[in-house]
Amino acid sequence: MAFKLGGENRKINYGSAKNNFGSDPDASIPGVPVIRKKLDKGVMGEANDDGTIFISDKIEPGSEEERKVLMHEMTHMVDMKVGKLSYTDNSITWLGKTYDRHEGKISYNGEWLPEGHDDFPWEQH
């Protein structure tokens, strides 16, 4: 999971009344806008605290990879909704414990690891 905060315009297109799941009906999750965009190298998806999910424009629509990325990011969305996970520009909080965050890395167990690293407990889904 990669976390990014910023003021970019998400340009959410909720589509027709029959499909209000996001800007890409092929990658839709009910109630969660999924936005395809160019992401940082190695980042396949991002769950955002505004309720949106970014998915890399490099992922083939309808593919198994797309399904896996969306399922992973939805897990983070649920964790944020129920209060297990939150973030700011400077920290990640998981189950009440706060970890420092700086320039794409998170301090965990005495090491600065890149966001999305498998060692983080919130990535163990």
Protein backbone atom coordinates (compact mmCIF):
# COMPACT_ATOMS: atom_id res chain seq x y z
CA MET A 1 0.00 0.00 0.00
CA ALA A 2 1.29 3.39 -0.85
CA PHE A 3 -0.08 6.49 0.78
CA LYS A 4 -0.06 9.83 -0.89
CA LEU A 5 -1.62 13.07 0.21
CA GLY A 6 -2.07 15.94 -2.11
CA GLY A 7 -4.38 18.42 -3.62
CA GLU A 8 -4.68 16.84 -7.05
CA ASN A 9 -8.11 16.88 -8.61
CA ARG A 10 -9.37 13.30 -8.59
CA LYS A 11 -11.79 14.04 -11.48
CA ILE A 12 -14.20 11.42 -10.23
CA ASN A 13 -16.77 10.50 -12.85
CA TYR A 14 -19.65 8.70 -11.21
CA GLY A 15 -21.08 7.62 -14.55
CA SER A 16 -24.76 7.02 -15.24
CA ALA A 17 -27.44 6.38 -12.64
CA LYS A 18 -27.08 2.65 -13.35
CA ASN A 19 -23.38 2.63 -12.45
CA ASN A 20 -22.17 5.07 -9.82
CA PHE A 21 -19.20 3.03 -8.71
CA GLY A 22 -16.41 5.23 -10.06
CA SER A 23 -14.65 6.39 -13.14
CA ASP A 24 -13.90 2.92 -14.52
CA PRO A 25 -16.88 0.56 -14.53
CA ASP A 26 -14.65 -2.42 -15.31
CA ALA A 27 -12.72 -1.89 -12.06
CA SER A 28 -15.63 -0.89 -9.88
CA ILE A 29 -16.27 -1.67 -6.27
CA PRO A 30 -19.73 -0.60 -5.10
CA GLY A 31 -19.48 2.77 -3.36
CA VAL A 32 -15.73 3.16 -3.92
CA PRO A 33 -14.50 5.21 -6.88
CA VAL A 34 -11.60 3.47 -8.63
CA ILE A 35 -9.39 5.84 -10.59
CA ARG A 36 -6.79 4.67 -13.09
CA LYS A 37 -3.71 6.87 -13.17
CA LYS A 38 0.02 6.85 -13.49
CA LEU A 39 1.48 5.89 -10.10
CA ASP A 40 5.04 5.93 -8.80
CA LYS A 41 7.36 3.17 -10.00
CA GLY A 42 6.48 -0.13 -8.35
CA VAL A 43 3.15 1.14 -6.95
CA MET A 44 0.17 -0.83 -8.27
CA GLY A 45 -2.56 0.73 -6.14
CA GLU A 46 -3.27 3.25 -3.41
CA ALA A 47 -6.11 3.40 -0.89
CA ASN A 48 -6.92 7.02 -0.07
CA ASP A 49 -8.56 8.39 3.06
CA ASP A 50 -11.06 10.27 0.88
CA GLY A 51 -12.65 6.93 -0.03
CA THR A 52 -11.07 6.51 -3.46
CA ILE A 53 -8.69 3.89 -4.78
CA PHE A 54 -6.04 4.66 -7.35
CA ILE A 55 -4.99 1.78 -9.60
CA SER A 56 -2.00 1.88 -11.90
CA ASP A 57 -2.78 2.59 -15.53
CA LYS A 58 -0.23 -0.15 -16.31
CA ILE A 59 -2.60 -2.87 -15.02
CA GLU A 60 -4.72 -4.55 -17.66
CA PRO A 61 -8.44 -3.94 -17.06
CA GLY A 62 -10.26 -7.13 -16.09
CA SER A 63 -7.05 -9.03 -15.35
CA GLU A 64 -6.32 -11.22 -12.35
CA GLU A 65 -3.68 -8.67 -11.32
CA GLU A 66 -6.32 -5.95 -11.28
CA ARG A 67 -8.57 -8.09 -9.09
CA LYS A 68 -5.75 -8.79 -6.62
CA VAL A 69 -4.72 -5.13 -6.39
CA LEU A 70 -8.30 -3.98 -5.86
CA MET A 71 -8.92 -6.62 -3.18
CA HIS A 72 -5.71 -5.58 -1.38
CA GLU A 73 -6.56 -1.89 -1.49
CA MET A 74 -10.14 -2.56 -0.35
CA THR A 75 -8.72 -4.27 2.72
CA HIS A 76 -6.91 -1.02 3.54
CA MET A 77 -10.12 0.94 2.90
CA VAL A 78 -12.00 -1.25 5.38
CA ASP A 79 -9.16 -0.91 7.92
CA MET A 80 -9.40 2.88 7.62
CA LYS A 81 -13.21 2.87 7.89
CA VAL A 82 -13.19 0.79 11.10
CA GLY A 83 -10.35 2.79 12.67
CA LYS A 84 -7.57 0.21 12.55
CA LEU A 85 -5.49 2.27 10.10
CA SER A 86 -4.99 5.98 9.52
CA TYR A 87 -2.32 8.20 8.07
CA THR A 88 -1.06 11.74 7.72
CA ASP A 89 1.81 13.22 5.75
CA ASN A 90 4.10 12.42 8.69
CA SER A 91 2.81 9.19 10.21
CA ILE A 92 0.93 5.90 9.90
CA THR A 93 -1.19 4.69 12.80
CA TRP A 94 -1.99 0.99 13.00
CA LEU A 95 -4.04 -0.39 15.90
CA GLY A 96 -3.26 2.70 17.98
CA LYS A 97 0.52 2.63 17.44
CA THR A 98 2.00 5.48 15.40
CA TYR A 99 4.96 5.09 13.06
CA ASP A 100 6.92 8.03 11.64
CA ARG A 101 6.71 8.58 7.89
CA HIS A 102 9.00 10.64 5.69
CA GLU A 103 9.69 10.85 1.94
CA GLY A 104 8.03 7.56 1.03
CA LYS A 105 9.48 5.59 3.93
CA ILE A 106 8.10 4.48 7.29
CA SER A 107 10.10 3.88 10.46
CA TYR A 108 9.35 0.35 11.65
CA ASN A 109 11.33 -1.74 14.14
CA GLY A 110 14.30 0.61 13.94
CA GLU A 111 14.46 0.66 10.13
CA TRP A 112 13.16 3.03 7.48
CA LEU A 113 11.30 0.83 5.00
CA PRO A 114 9.57 1.92 1.78
CA GLU A 115 5.80 2.39 1.90
CA GLY A 116 4.04 -0.83 0.96
CA HIS A 117 6.81 -3.07 2.36
CA ASP A 118 5.66 -6.59 3.24
CA ASP A 119 7.06 -6.35 6.80
CA PHE A 120 4.43 -3.82 7.90
CA PRO A 121 1.59 -5.44 9.86
CA TRP A 122 -1.03 -3.51 7.86
CA GLU A 123 0.33 -5.16 4.70
CA GLN A 124 -0.20 -8.68 6.07
CA HIS A 125 -3.64 -9.10 4.47
